Structures are given as structure tokens and as C-alpha cells.
C-alpha atoms as a PDB file:
ATOM      1  CA  UNK A   1      49.226 -35.836 -85.578  1.00  0.00           C
ATOM      2  CA  UNK A   2      52.204 -37.495 -87.216  1.00  0.00           C
ATOM      3  CA  UNK A   3      51.982 -37.449 -91.008  1.00  0.00           C
ATOM      4  CA  UNK A   4      51.598 -40.919 -92.547  1.00  0.00           C
ATOM      5  CA  UNK A   5      54.516 -41.708 -94.847  1.00  0.00           C
ATOM      6  CA  UNK A   6      54.587 -43.548 -98.132  1.00  0.00           C
ATOM      7  CA  UNK A   7      56.805 -46.162 -96.459  1.00  0.00           C
ATOM      8  CA  UNK A   8      53.990 -46.931 -94.006  1.00  0.00           C
ATOM      9  CA  UNK A   9      51.484 -47.253 -96.870  1.00  0.00           C
ATOM     10  CA  UNK A  10      53.852 -49.700 -98.582  1.00  0.00           C
ATOM     11  CA  UNK A  11      54.230 -51.726 -95.371  1.00  0.00           C
ATOM     12  CA  UNK A  12      50.461 -51.986 -94.825  1.00  0.00           C
ATOM     13  CA  UNK A  13      49.910 -52.924 -98.479  1.00  0.00           C
ATOM     14  CA  UNK A  14      52.727 -55.467 -98.423  1.00  0.00           C
ATOM     15  CA  UNK A  15      54.539 -53.925-101.389  1.00  0.00           C
ATOM     16  CA  UNK A  16      57.739 -52.054-102.000  1.00  0.00           C
ATOM     17  CA  UNK A  17      57.942 -48.278-101.617  1.00  0.00           C
ATOM     18  CA  UNK A  18      58.594 -48.033-105.372  1.00  0.00           C
ATOM     19  CA  UNK A  19      55.340 -49.871-106.144  1.00  0.00           C
ATOM     20  CA  UNK A  20      53.375 -47.679-103.737  1.00  0.00           C
ATOM     21  CA  UNK A  21      54.930 -44.609-105.352  1.00  0.00           C
ATOM     22  CA  UNK A  22      53.954 -45.760-108.842  1.00  0.00           C
ATOM     23  CA  UNK A  23      50.338 -46.242-107.734  1.00  0.00           C
ATOM     24  CA  UNK A  24      50.211 -42.802-106.094  1.00  0.00           C
ATOM     25  CA  UNK A  25      51.654 -41.241-109.245  1.00  0.00           C
ATOM     26  CA  UNK A  26      49.142 -42.967-111.518  1.00  0.00           C
ATOM     27  CA  UNK A  27      51.540 -45.255-113.387  1.00  0.00           C
ATOM     28  CA  UNK A  28      49.832 -47.958-115.448  1.00  0.00           C
ATOM     29  CA  UNK A  29      52.626 -50.536-115.083  1.00  0.00           C
ATOM     30  CA  UNK A  30      51.293 -51.921-111.786  1.00  0.00           C
ATOM     31  CA  UNK A  31      49.475 -55.220-111.361  1.00  0.00           C
ATOM     32  CA  UNK A  32      45.783 -54.619-110.645  1.00  0.00           C
ATOM     33  CA  UNK A  33      45.827 -56.613-107.390  1.00  0.00           C
ATOM     34  CA  UNK A  34      48.783 -54.563-106.120  1.00  0.00           C
ATOM     35  CA  UNK A  35      47.070 -51.334-107.154  1.00  0.00           C
ATOM     36  CA  UNK A  36      43.967 -52.258-105.125  1.00  0.00           C
ATOM     37  CA  UNK A  37      46.144 -53.212-102.135  1.00  0.00           C
ATOM     38  CA  UNK A  38      47.898 -49.839-102.184  1.00  0.00           C
ATOM     39  CA  UNK A  39      44.632 -47.912-102.599  1.00  0.00           C
ATOM     40  CA  UNK A  40      43.141 -49.834 -99.659  1.00  0.00           C
ATOM     41  CA  UNK A  41      46.235 -49.038 -97.564  1.00  0.00           C
ATOM     42  CA  UNK A  42      45.982 -45.352 -98.490  1.00  0.00           C
ATOM     43  CA  UNK A  43      42.382 -45.297 -97.246  1.00  0.00           C
ATOM     44  CA  UNK A  44      43.070 -47.236 -94.038  1.00  0.00           C
ATOM     45  CA  UNK A  45      46.148 -45.223 -93.030  1.00  0.00           C
ATOM     46  CA  UNK A  46      44.769 -41.812 -93.981  1.00  0.00           C
ATOM     47  CA  UNK A  47      47.810 -41.126 -96.169  1.00  0.00           C
ATOM     48  CA  UNK A  48      47.728 -37.729 -97.885  1.00  0.00           C
ATOM     49  CA  UNK A  49      50.027 -37.301-100.893  1.00  0.00           C
ATOM     50  CA  UNK A  50      52.185 -34.183-100.984  1.00  0.00           C
ATOM     51  CA  UNK A  51      50.432 -32.623-103.945  1.00  0.00           C
ATOM     52  CA  UNK A  52      52.814 -29.699-104.367  1.00  0.00           C
ATOM     53  CA  UNK A  53      55.908 -31.912-104.352  1.00  0.00           C
ATOM     54  CA  UNK A  54      54.316 -34.451-106.672  1.00  0.00           C
ATOM     55  CA  UNK A  55      53.275 -31.774-109.160  1.00  0.00           C
ATOM     56  CA  UNK A  56      56.850 -30.510-109.335  1.00  0.00           C
ATOM     57  CA  UNK A  57      58.036 -34.008-110.228  1.00  0.00           C
ATOM     58  CA  UNK A  58      55.220 -35.109-112.541  1.00  0.00           C
ATOM     59  CA  UNK A  59      54.379 -31.666-114.017  1.00  0.00           C
ATOM     60  CA  UNK A  60      50.709 -32.551-113.656  1.00  0.00           C
ATOM     61  CA  UNK A  61      47.746 -30.653-112.214  1.00  0.00           C
ATOM     62  CA  UNK A  62      46.470 -33.620-110.171  1.00  0.00           C
ATOM     63  CA  UNK A  63      42.957 -32.811-111.354  1.00  0.00           C
ATOM     64  CA  UNK A  64      40.638 -34.551-113.808  1.00  0.00           C
ATOM     65  CA  UNK A  65      37.380 -33.380-115.350  1.00  0.00           C
ATOM     66  CA  UNK A  66      34.047 -35.195-115.420  1.00  0.00           C
ATOM     67  CA  UNK A  67      32.040 -33.717-118.273  1.00  0.00           C
ATOM     68  CA  UNK A  68      28.358 -34.279-117.500  1.00  0.00           C
ATOM     69  CA  UNK A  69      25.226 -33.634-119.588  1.00  0.00           C
ATOM     70  CA  UNK A  70      23.491 -30.290-119.408  1.00  0.00           C
ATOM     71  CA  UNK A  71      20.994 -29.545-116.641  1.00  0.00           C
ATOM     72  CA  UNK A  72      18.029 -30.500-118.822  1.00  0.00           C
ATOM     73  CA  UNK A  73      19.384 -34.000-119.438  1.00  0.00           C
ATOM     74  CA  UNK A  74      20.559 -34.354-115.829  1.00  0.00           C
ATOM     75  CA  UNK A  75      17.040 -33.756-114.505  1.00  0.00           C
ATOM     76  CA  UNK A  76      15.911 -36.988-112.888  1.00  0.00           C
ATOM     77  CA  UNK A  77      18.896 -39.008-114.149  1.00  0.00           C
ATOM     78  CA  UNK A  78      19.404 -41.723-111.516  1.00  0.00           C
ATOM     79  CA  UNK A  79      22.911 -42.628-112.731  1.00  0.00           C
ATOM     80  CA  UNK A  80      24.897 -39.490-112.121  1.00  0.00           C
ATOM     81  CA  UNK A  81      25.351 -39.809-108.366  1.00  0.00           C
ATOM     82  CA  UNK A  82      26.704 -43.336-108.886  1.00  0.00           C
ATOM     83  CA  UNK A  83      29.077 -42.106-111.594  1.00  0.00           C
ATOM     84  CA  UNK A  84      30.487 -39.382-109.350  1.00  0.00           C
ATOM     85  CA  UNK A  85      30.741 -41.819-106.430  1.00  0.00           C
ATOM     86  CA  UNK A  86      32.598 -44.410-108.514  1.00  0.00           C
ATOM     87  CA  UNK A  87      35.125 -41.948-109.905  1.00  0.00           C
ATOM     88  CA  UNK A  88      35.671 -40.344-106.499  1.00  0.00           C
ATOM     89  CA  UNK A  89      36.330 -43.745-104.936  1.00  0.00           C
ATOM     90  CA  UNK A  90      39.422 -44.086-107.138  1.00  0.00           C
ATOM     91  CA  UNK A  91      40.813 -40.553-107.276  1.00  0.00           C
ATOM     92  CA  UNK A  92      40.249 -39.277-103.734  1.00  0.00           C
ATOM     93  CA  UNK A  93      42.745 -41.624-102.010  1.00  0.00           C
ATOM     94  CA  UNK A  94      45.366 -40.489-104.538  1.00  0.00           C
ATOM     95  CA  UNK A  95      44.838 -36.800-103.763  1.00  0.00           C
ATOM     96  CA  UNK A  96      43.487 -36.100-107.249  1.00  0.00           C
ATOM     97  CA  UNK A  97      40.796 -33.439-107.542  1.00  0.00           C
ATOM     98  CA  UNK A  98      37.599 -34.146-109.482  1.00  0.00           C
ATOM     99  CA  UNK A  99      36.219 -31.173-111.404  1.00  0.00           C
ATOM    100  CA  UNK A 100      32.540 -31.512-112.394  1.00  0.00           C
ATOM    101  CA  UNK A 101      31.593 -29.739-115.613  1.00  0.00           C
ATOM    102  CA  UNK A 102      28.136 -29.610-117.207  1.00  0.00           C
ATOM    103  CA  UNK A 103      27.891 -29.291-120.956  1.00  0.00           C
ATOM    104  CA  UNK A 104      26.552 -25.973-122.104  1.00  0.00           C
ATOM    105  CA  UNK A 105      27.655 -22.886-124.028  1.00  0.00           C
ATOM    106  CA  UNK A 106      31.446 -22.699-123.868  1.00  0.00           C
ATOM    107  CA  UNK A 107      31.892 -25.655-121.488  1.00  0.00           C
ATOM    108  CA  UNK A 108      33.490 -27.988-124.015  1.00  0.00           C
ATOM    109  CA  UNK A 109      35.810 -25.223-125.140  1.00  0.00           C
ATOM    110  CA  UNK A 110      36.721 -24.558-121.500  1.00  0.00           C
ATOM    111  CA  UNK A 111      37.500 -28.248-120.960  1.00  0.00           C
ATOM    112  CA  UNK A 112      39.741 -28.275-124.038  1.00  0.00           C
ATOM    113  CA  UNK A 113      41.511 -25.124-122.830  1.00  0.00           C
ATOM    114  CA  UNK A 114      42.009 -26.558-119.322  1.00  0.00           C
ATOM    115  CA  UNK A 115      43.565 -29.707-120.783  1.00  0.00           C
ATOM    116  CA  UNK A 116      45.833 -27.863-123.203  1.00  0.00           C
ATOM    117  CA  UNK A 117      46.983 -25.424-120.518  1.00  0.00           C
ATOM    118  CA  UNK A 118      47.637 -28.115-117.915  1.00  0.00           C
ATOM    119  CA  UNK A 119      44.822 -27.177-115.527  1.00  0.00           C
ATOM    120  CA  UNK A 120      43.328 -30.658-116.041  1.00  0.00           C
ATOM    121  CA  UNK A 121      45.258 -33.855-116.681  1.00  0.00           C
ATOM    122  CA  UNK A 122      42.419 -35.681-118.442  1.00  0.00           C
ATOM    123  CA  UNK A 123      38.660 -35.904-118.817  1.00  0.00           C
ATOM    124  CA  UNK A 124      35.869 -38.480-118.611  1.00  0.00           C
ATOM    125  CA  UNK A 125      33.014 -37.810-121.030  1.00  0.00           C
ATOM    126  CA  UNK A 126      29.506 -38.828-119.954  1.00  0.00           C
ATOM    127  CA  UNK A 127      26.398 -38.725-122.169  1.00  0.00           C
ATOM    128  CA  UNK A 128      28.024 -37.168-125.223  1.00  0.00           C
ATOM    129  CA  UNK A 129      25.777 -36.248-128.137  1.00  0.00           C
ATOM    130  CA  UNK A 130      26.419 -38.392-131.238  1.00  0.00           C
ATOM    131  CA  UNK A 131      27.382 -35.236-133.151  1.00  0.00           C
ATOM    132  CA  UNK A 132      29.638 -33.904-130.382  1.00  0.00           C
ATOM    133  CA  UNK A 133      33.042 -33.013-131.892  1.00  0.00           C
ATOM    134  CA  UNK A 134      34.894 -33.052-128.536  1.00  0.00           C
ATOM    135  CA  UNK A 135      35.895 -36.755-128.501  1.00  0.00           C
ATOM    136  CA  UNK A 136      37.469 -36.397-131.932  1.00  0.00           C
ATOM    137  CA  UNK A 137      39.198 -33.162-130.950  1.00  0.00           C
ATOM    138  CA  UNK A 138      40.672 -34.742-127.807  1.00  0.00           C
ATOM    139  CA  UNK A 139      41.889 -37.751-129.800  1.00  0.00           C
ATOM    140  CA  UNK A 140      43.460 -35.507-132.458  1.00  0.00           C
ATOM    141  CA  UNK A 141      45.233 -33.489-129.750  1.00  0.00           C
ATOM    142  CA  UNK A 142      46.538 -36.641-128.057  1.00  0.00           C
ATOM    143  CA  UNK A 143      44.942 -35.680-124.733  1.00  0.00           C
ATOM    144  CA  UNK A 144      43.874 -38.268-122.102  1.00  0.00           C
ATOM    145  CA  UNK A 145      40.171 -39.082-122.420  1.00  0.00           C
ATOM    146  CA  UNK A 146      37.802 -41.908-121.511  1.00  0.00           C
ATOM    147  CA  UNK A 147      34.266 -42.249-122.822  1.00  0.00           C
ATOM    148  CA  UNK A 148      31.320 -43.582-120.820  1.00  0.00           C
ATOM    149  CA  UNK A 149      29.793 -46.052-123.262  1.00  0.00           C
ATOM    150  CA  UNK A 150      30.638 -47.286-126.734  1.00  0.00           C
ATOM    151  CA  UNK A 151      30.959 -44.485-129.303  1.00  0.00           C
ATOM    152  CA  UNK A 152      28.336 -44.426-132.047  1.00  0.00           C
ATOM    153  CA  UNK A 153      30.983 -44.565-134.743  1.00  0.00           C
ATOM    154  CA  UNK A 154      34.308 -46.421-134.443  1.00  0.00           C
ATOM    155  CA  UNK A 155      37.081 -44.156-133.169  1.00  0.00           C
ATOM    156  CA  UNK A 156      40.398 -44.723-131.337  1.00  0.00           C
ATOM    157  CA  UNK A 157      39.125 -43.875-127.860  1.00  0.00           C
ATOM    158  CA  UNK A 158      39.117 -45.836-124.596  1.00  0.00           C
ATOM    159  CA  UNK A 159      35.617 -46.535-123.310  1.00  0.00           C
ATOM    160  CA  UNK A 160      33.839 -48.451-120.561  1.00  0.00           C
ATOM    161  CA  UNK A 161      30.408 -49.982-121.138  1.00  0.00           C
ATOM    162  CA  UNK A 162      28.081 -52.818-120.170  1.00  0.00           C
ATOM    163  CA  UNK A 163      27.146 -55.580-122.625  1.00  0.00           C
ATOM    164  CA  UNK A 164      23.913 -53.903-123.687  1.00  0.00           C
ATOM    165  CA  UNK A 165      22.762 -56.591-126.135  1.00  0.00           C
ATOM    166  CA  UNK A 166      23.293 -59.393-123.611  1.00  0.00           C
ATOM    167  CA  UNK A 167      21.358 -57.420-121.001  1.00  0.00           C
ATOM    168  CA  UNK A 168      18.382 -56.888-123.286  1.00  0.00           C
ATOM    169  CA  UNK A 169      18.430 -60.588-124.166  1.00  0.00           C
ATOM    170  CA  UNK A 170      18.167 -61.374-120.430  1.00  0.00           C
ATOM    171  CA  UNK A 171      15.011 -59.251-120.332  1.00  0.00           C
ATOM    172  CA  UNK A 172      13.556 -61.111-123.312  1.00  0.00           C
ATOM    173  CA  UNK A 173      14.234 -64.497-121.760  1.00  0.00           C
ATOM    174  CA  UNK A 174      12.651 -63.375-118.505  1.00  0.00           C
ATOM    175  CA  UNK A 175       9.398 -62.353-120.209  1.00  0.00           C
ATOM    176  CA  UNK A 176       9.288 -65.615-122.179  1.00  0.00           C
ATOM    177  CA  UNK A 177       9.849 -67.615-118.986  1.00  0.00           C
ATOM    178  CA  UNK A 178       6.772 -65.887-117.524  1.00  0.00           C
ATOM    179  CA  UNK A 179       4.710 -67.278-120.430  1.00  0.00           C
ATOM    180  CA  UNK A 180       3.891 -63.824-121.803  1.00  0.00           C
ATOM    181  CA  UNK A 181       2.052 -64.136-125.140  1.00  0.00           C
ATOM    182  CA  UNK A 182       2.026 -60.569-126.459  1.00  0.00           C
ATOM    183  CA  UNK A 183       5.420 -59.030-125.797  1.00  0.00           C
ATOM    184  CA  UNK A 184       6.515 -55.464-126.566  1.00  0.00           C
ATOM    185  CA  UNK A 185       9.429 -53.153-125.905  1.00  0.00           C
ATOM    186  CA  UNK A 186       9.745 -49.440-125.272  1.00  0.00           C
ATOM    187  CA  UNK A 187      13.142 -48.500-126.688  1.00  0.00           C
ATOM    188  CA  UNK A 188      15.768 -45.907-125.913  1.00  0.00           C
ATOM    189  CA  UNK A 189      16.783 -43.280-128.502  1.00  0.00           C
ATOM    190  CA  UNK A 190      17.931 -44.935-131.698  1.00  0.00           C
ATOM    191  CA  UNK A 191      20.682 -42.387-132.349  1.00  0.00           C
ATOM    192  CA  UNK A 192      22.621 -43.749-129.347  1.00  0.00           C
ATOM    193  CA  UNK A 193      24.611 -47.002-129.089  1.00  0.00           C
ATOM    194  CA  UNK A 194      22.793 -48.004-125.877  1.00  0.00           C
ATOM    195  CA  UNK A 195      19.396 -47.477-127.486  1.00  0.00           C
ATOM    196  CA  UNK A 196      20.384 -49.410-130.601  1.00  0.00           C
ATOM    197  CA  UNK A 197      22.067 -52.285-128.759  1.00  0.00           C
ATOM    198  CA  UNK A 198      19.248 -52.813-126.276  1.00  0.00           C
ATOM    199  CA  UNK A 199      16.707 -53.008-129.097  1.00  0.00           C
ATOM    200  CA  UNK A 200      18.889 -55.370-131.141  1.00  0.00           C
ATOM    201  CA  UNK A 201      19.537 -57.656-128.175  1.00  0.00           C
ATOM    202  CA  UNK A 202      15.857 -57.848-127.276  1.00  0.00           C
ATOM    203  CA  UNK A 203      14.685 -58.501-130.847  1.00  0.00           C
ATOM    204  CA  UNK A 204      17.268 -61.272-131.195  1.00  0.00           C
ATOM    205  CA  UNK A 205      15.472 -62.990-128.306  1.00  0.00           C
ATOM    206  CA  UNK A 206      11.888 -61.927-129.153  1.00  0.00           C
ATOM    207  CA  UNK A 207      11.822 -61.282-132.938  1.00  0.00           C
ATOM    208  CA  UNK A 208       8.072 -60.629-133.125  1.00  0.00           C
ATOM    209  CA  UNK A 209       7.945 -58.064-130.309  1.00  0.00           C
ATOM    210  CA  UNK A 210       5.936 -54.876-130.789  1.00  0.00           C
ATOM    211  CA  UNK A 211       8.295 -51.878-130.839  1.00  0.00           C
ATOM    212  CA  UNK A 212       7.423 -48.422-129.481  1.00  0.00           C
ATOM    213  CA  UNK A 213      10.124 -45.768-129.229  1.00  0.00           C
ATOM    214  CA  UNK A 214      11.131 -43.666-126.220  1.00  0.00           C
ATOM    215  CA  UNK A 215      14.206 -41.634-125.275  1.00  0.00           C
ATOM    216  CA  UNK A 216      15.197 -42.930-121.784  1.00  0.00           C
ATOM    217  CA  UNK A 217      13.291 -40.146-119.964  1.00  0.00           C
ATOM    218  CA  UNK A 218      10.357 -40.654-117.585  1.00  0.00           C
ATOM    219  CA  UNK A 219       8.009 -38.562-119.722  1.00  0.00           C
ATOM    220  CA  UNK A 220       8.811 -40.586-122.843  1.00  0.00           C
ATOM    221  CA  UNK A 221       7.891 -43.714-120.872  1.00  0.00           C
ATOM    222  CA  UNK A 222       4.489 -42.201-120.148  1.00  0.00           C
ATOM    223  CA  UNK A 223       3.857 -41.293-123.787  1.00  0.00           C
ATOM    224  CA  UNK A 224       5.183 -44.586-125.166  1.00  0.00           C
ATOM    225  CA  UNK A 225       3.029 -46.721-122.855  1.00  0.00           C
ATOM    226  CA  UNK A 226      -0.047 -44.699-123.800  1.00  0.00           C
ATOM    227  CA  UNK A 227       0.699 -45.420-127.465  1.00  0.00           C
ATOM    228  CA  UNK A 228       1.420 -49.083-126.756  1.00  0.00           C
ATOM    229  CA  UNK A 229      -1.837 -49.907-124.963  1.00  0.00           C
ATOM    230  CA  UNK A 230      -3.688 -47.936-127.663  1.00  0.00           C
ATOM    231  CA  UNK A 231      -2.243 -50.012-130.516  1.00  0.00           C
ATOM    232  CA  UNK A 232      -1.764 -53.290-128.637  1.00  0.00           C
ATOM    233  CA  UNK A 233      -4.368 -53.607-125.855  1.00  0.00           C
ATOM    234  CA  UNK A 234      -3.615 -57.319-125.295  1.00  0.00           C
ATOM    235  CA  UNK A 235       0.049 -56.712-124.416  1.00  0.00           C
ATOM    236  CA  UNK A 236       1.051 -58.782-121.388  1.00  0.00           C
ATOM    237  CA  UNK A 237       4.831 -58.358-121.197  1.00  0.00           C
ATOM    238  CA  UNK A 238       6.990 -55.267-121.805  1.00  0.00           C
ATOM    239  CA  UNK A 239      10.742 -54.715-121.764  1.00  0.00           C
ATOM    240  CA  UNK A 240      11.273 -51.015-121.034  1.00  0.00           C
ATOM    241  CA  UNK A 241      14.824 -50.008-121.948  1.00  0.00           C
ATOM    242  CA  UNK A 242      15.452 -47.831-118.885  1.00  0.00           C
ATOM    243  CA  UNK A 243      14.164 -47.886-115.325  1.00  0.00           C
ATOM    244  CA  UNK A 244      13.336 -44.195-115.557  1.00  0.00           C
ATOM    245  CA  UNK A 245      11.009 -44.818-118.525  1.00  0.00           C
ATOM    246  CA  UNK A 246       9.442 -47.739-116.641  1.00  0.00           C
ATOM    247  CA  UNK A 247       8.879 -45.383-113.704  1.00  0.00           C
ATOM    248  CA  UNK A 248       6.721 -43.266-115.999  1.00  0.00           C
ATOM    249  CA  UNK A 249       5.074 -46.154-117.869  1.00  0.00           C
ATOM    250  CA  UNK A 250       3.780 -48.285-114.981  1.00  0.00           C
ATOM    251  CA  UNK A 251       1.313 -45.654-113.638  1.00  0.00           C
ATOM    252  CA  UNK A 252      -0.194 -45.500-117.142  1.00  0.00           C
ATOM    253  CA  UNK A 253      -0.984 -49.208-116.882  1.00  0.00           C
ATOM    254  CA  UNK A 254      -2.490 -48.712-113.426  1.00  0.00           C
ATOM    255  CA  UNK A 255      -4.691 -45.873-114.668  1.00  0.00           C
ATOM    256  CA  UNK A 256      -5.940 -48.091-117.507  1.00  0.00           C
ATOM    257  CA  UNK A 257      -7.049 -50.732-115.003  1.00  0.00           C
ATOM    258  CA  UNK A 258      -4.167 -53.135-115.667  1.00  0.00           C
ATOM    259  CA  UNK A 259      -2.234 -54.654-112.774  1.00  0.00           C
ATOM    260  CA  UNK A 260       1.532 -55.174-112.749  1.00  0.00           C
ATOM    261  CA  UNK A 261       2.567 -57.990-112.927  1.00  0.00           C
ATOM    262  CA  UNK A 262      -0.794 -59.830-112.924  1.00  0.00           C
ATOM    263  CA  UNK A 263      -1.951 -58.380-116.263  1.00  0.00           C
ATOM    264  CA  UNK A 264       1.312 -56.985-117.654  1.00  0.00           C
ATOM    265  CA  UNK A 265       4.813 -58.070-116.620  1.00  0.00           C
ATOM    266  CA  UNK A 266       7.472 -55.355-116.783  1.00  0.00           C
ATOM    267  CA  UNK A 267      11.265 -55.674-117.017  1.00  0.00           C
ATOM    268  CA  UNK A 268      13.472 -52.557-116.976  1.00  0.00           C
ATOM    269  CA  UNK A 269      17.146 -51.866-117.565  1.00  0.00           C
ATOM    270  CA  UNK A 270      19.782 -50.221-115.301  1.00  0.00           C
ATOM    271  CA  UNK A 271      18.931 -51.259-111.725  1.00  0.00           C
ATOM    272  CA  UNK A 272      19.016 -47.595-110.788  1.00  0.00           C
ATOM    273  CA  UNK A 273      17.263 -45.907-107.873  1.00  0.00           C
ATOM    274  CA  UNK A 274      14.207 -45.568-110.143  1.00  0.00           C
ATOM    275  CA  UNK A 275      13.741 -49.350-109.945  1.00  0.00           C
ATOM    276  CA  UNK A 276      13.209 -49.115-106.188  1.00  0.00           C
ATOM    277  CA  UNK A 277      10.818 -46.164-106.301  1.00  0.00           C
ATOM    278  CA  UNK A 278       8.605 -47.920-108.841  1.00  0.00           C
ATOM    279  CA  UNK A 279       5.348 -49.475-107.614  1.00  0.00           C
ATOM    280  CA  UNK A 280       5.734 -52.415-107.656  1.00  0.00           C
ATOM    281  CA  UNK A 281       9.529 -52.535-107.401  1.00  0.00           C
ATOM    282  CA  UNK A 282      11.038 -53.239-110.766  1.00  0.00           C
ATOM    283  CA  UNK A 283      12.539 -56.435-112.113  1.00  0.00           C
ATOM    284  CA  UNK A 284      15.432 -55.076-114.136  1.00  0.00           C
ATOM    285  CA  UNK A 285      18.754 -55.684-115.857  1.00  0.00           C
ATOM    286  CA  UNK A 286      21.604 -54.438-113.688  1.00  0.00           C
ATOM    287  CA  UNK A 287      24.580 -52.525-115.006  1.00  0.00           C
ATOM    288  CA  UNK A 288      27.124 -51.845-112.221  1.00  0.00           C
ATOM    289  CA  UNK A 289      27.369 -48.076-112.757  1.00  0.00           C
ATOM    290  CA  UNK A 290      29.606 -47.278-109.773  1.00  0.00           C
ATOM    291  CA  UNK A 291      32.097 -50.025-110.671  1.00  0.00           C
ATOM    292  CA  UNK A 292      32.056 -48.934-114.315  1.00  0.00           C
ATOM    293  CA  UNK A 293      32.760 -45.333-113.292  1.00  0.00           C
ATOM    294  CA  UNK A 294      35.637 -46.480-111.080  1.00  0.00           C
ATOM    295  CA  UNK A 295      37.083 -48.326-114.064  1.00  0.00           C
ATOM    296  CA  UNK A 296      36.765 -45.176-116.199  1.00  0.00           C
ATOM    297  CA  UNK A 297      38.846 -43.344-113.593  1.00  0.00           C
ATOM    298  CA  UNK A 298      41.468 -46.101-113.542  1.00  0.00           C
ATOM    299  CA  UNK A 299      41.704 -46.115-117.321  1.00  0.00           C
ATOM    300  CA  UNK A 300      42.109 -42.336-117.386  1.00  0.00           C
ATOM    301  CA  UNK A 301      44.833 -42.423-114.726  1.00  0.00           C
ATOM    302  CA  UNK A 302      46.691 -45.051-116.759  1.00  0.00           C
ATOM    303  CA  UNK A 303      46.659 -42.740-119.777  1.00  0.00           C
ATOM    304  CA  UNK A 304      47.859 -39.817-117.671  1.00  0.00           C
ATOM    305  CA  UNK A 305      50.645 -41.850-116.070  1.00  0.00           C
ATOM    306  CA  UNK A 306      51.666 -43.611-119.282  1.00  0.00           C
ATOM    307  CA  UNK A 307      50.743 -41.467-122.317  1.00  0.00           C
ATOM    308  CA  UNK A 308      51.456 -44.339-124.737  1.00  0.00           C
ATOM    309  CA  UNK A 309      48.907 -46.641-123.091  1.00  0.00           C
ATOM    310  CA  UNK A 310      47.026 -48.426-125.921  1.00  0.00           C
ATOM    311  CA  UNK A 311      43.377 -47.610-126.548  1.00  0.00           C
ATOM    312  CA  UNK A 312      41.154 -50.241-124.968  1.00  0.00           C
ATOM    313  CA  UNK A 313      37.559 -51.055-124.088  1.00  0.00           C
ATOM    314  CA  UNK A 314      36.290 -52.578-120.857  1.00  0.00           C
ATOM    315  CA  UNK A 315      32.845 -54.202-121.074  1.00  0.00           C
ATOM    316  CA  UNK A 316      31.044 -55.337-117.919  1.00  0.00           C
ATOM    317  CA  UNK A 317      28.533 -58.175-117.933  1.00  0.00           C
ATOM    318  CA  UNK A 318      24.918 -57.433-116.916  1.00  0.00           C
ATOM    319  CA  UNK A 319      22.746 -59.489-114.568  1.00  0.00           C
ATOM    320  CA  UNK A 320      19.004 -59.842-113.991  1.00  0.00           C
ATOM    321  CA  UNK A 321      17.589 -58.569-110.698  1.00  0.00           C
ATOM    322  CA  UNK A 322      14.175 -60.131-110.057  1.00  0.00           C
ATOM    323  CA  UNK A 323      11.739 -58.073-107.989  1.00  0.00           C
ATOM    324  CA  UNK A 324       7.953 -57.678-108.089  1.00  0.00           C
ATOM    325  CA  UNK A 325       7.087 -56.322-111.546  1.00  0.00           C
ATOM    326  CA  UNK A 326       7.744 -59.446-113.577  1.00  0.00           C
END
């Protein structure tokens, strides 16, 4: 088969060859609509960049790292497939390899070494621990990095997030619209920005809500709901700060003889696959994980293509998805 040329990609996209070349090489100085047009043309034509030739010109590895949580934290996490899918959607048409790395002994050090030695061009950090020194080390070294979610403490790092407080407020308004009288929340971990922001946003809407703490895992949803119905048996509306926790909490209500949503209305957060496996299916706050991950990839490629790209933050707006639980 005849190899598709960059000129053909440019023709299909309706741009100049120079613009198509800048997109393929990850330059940030391209209008977003033109970038999408070129990426669509790359996919439709089956264009394959000449990686060896490009590396000689750009002196880049054409590989980025996706640093994921360790296996214990990955267990049951409904987000990770969407994160990988979103990043891949951006980098694959450009011929850039995605290297998946799970945190563990020596992994962070390996990522730092790969970046310093040119084996990786940049890294996306997912689910970093608040005490993790790697973001600060990458910033100090001037290496390309994008963070999934707002950092706990202010630092000069590009990140992509959803408006967590606004999303939690949507959940509060939903429960109030259902005429719930005794409203509670099961929170995420309070040493994380997402956990803090979701609690703050919900309490701004429902200041007198009962608060029980969880940690975003299914098992913590089980334990938190057991505590909640023990201390607040008349609860009739609960915002659960992750779908995975709600997945664990709802069976506790069923076992106690309470029906969802007839006796207790439930609203989750994420709109992950866990919302659809819940019984009943979960009303939840949606964060567009795949689109957010794609934006992380675009932001990282901008840094790689233009090292002086200013630090920025991109915050997506949440929406309420109404299903059967409340």
C-alpha cells in the first residue's frame, strides 16, 4: 500500500503542510480547531509519522509516561480505563507511545531517570499522594508534567480537573428538590483536594447535613453507611462522594430494610461504570474523565513542543445525570 504523506493529511484537513507538521510535532502554537482537524485527518487517512526521522529532528523520544496508582489503589477503580482511553485518543494518531507505570518501590525514581535521560518526553501524574515529592522534583528540574486534579498545595504545575465544589452543590440541590428532610453525606478522604472540595461544595448547599467520612473505596462506602444508619436512622437523602462508595453503601440500605429511592434517595459523584452496576442505577454527578484525560495529553504535548509554555489549569464543568436512585 502507498504510504500516506503529510501533504495528503494537510489536504484532507484543509490546512497548510506547515500547520499539519506543527501538529504532528506537538507544537503548541496551533489553533485548537486546526489541531482537531489535523488529528481527525490523521485518523481518517491512516497517516503514520516517520518516528525515526522525526526523532532526529526534534531530539525527542516520542514517548510519554502515565504514572498510575499502585495495584492496591487501582483495584476496582472505574476511572483508569477512561483515563488511558482519553490519553491514547490524542497520542496514538501522532505516533507517540504511551508508557504505563504503576507507583511502587523505585517507580518514581525510574520515571525521573527516564525523563532526564530522554527515554520519556513528559509524564502525566494520576492519583498522587499528598506527600509525594515527585511533582515538586519534576517542577524543579523543568521537566514536562501534567497533574490529574488540583494539587493539595499551590505549586507551579499544569493540571486538569472538574469543578468539584459545583458538582457537589448539584448533588445537594437534587436532594433538596426531592424534599428530603434528613440529608447526609459520605465524604471522600479529607487529605485530598477532591475530598475536601466535594464536602465544601455540598455543605455550602446543605449546611446542616450529617457528615460521615469515607475514602472513595467501595469498602469504605459499606462501613460509612453502616455508621450513618446507626447514628441517623431517619436519614432519607445521602450524597455519596464517589460512585464506587455508593456501590458499596446501597446494599447496606437494602439489608437494613430500606428501599432506594423510596426510603432513602442516593446521589453519587463521577458517572463511572460503578453507577451503572449499582442497583438501582445511580443518579450521579458526571465528570467527563475521558475528555479530561485527552486534555491532559494535549497540555503535556504543548509543554514538550514549546518548553516555555506557561503553567495553566483547565477545569471542566460537571453535570447531573438523573437515573433511578434519587
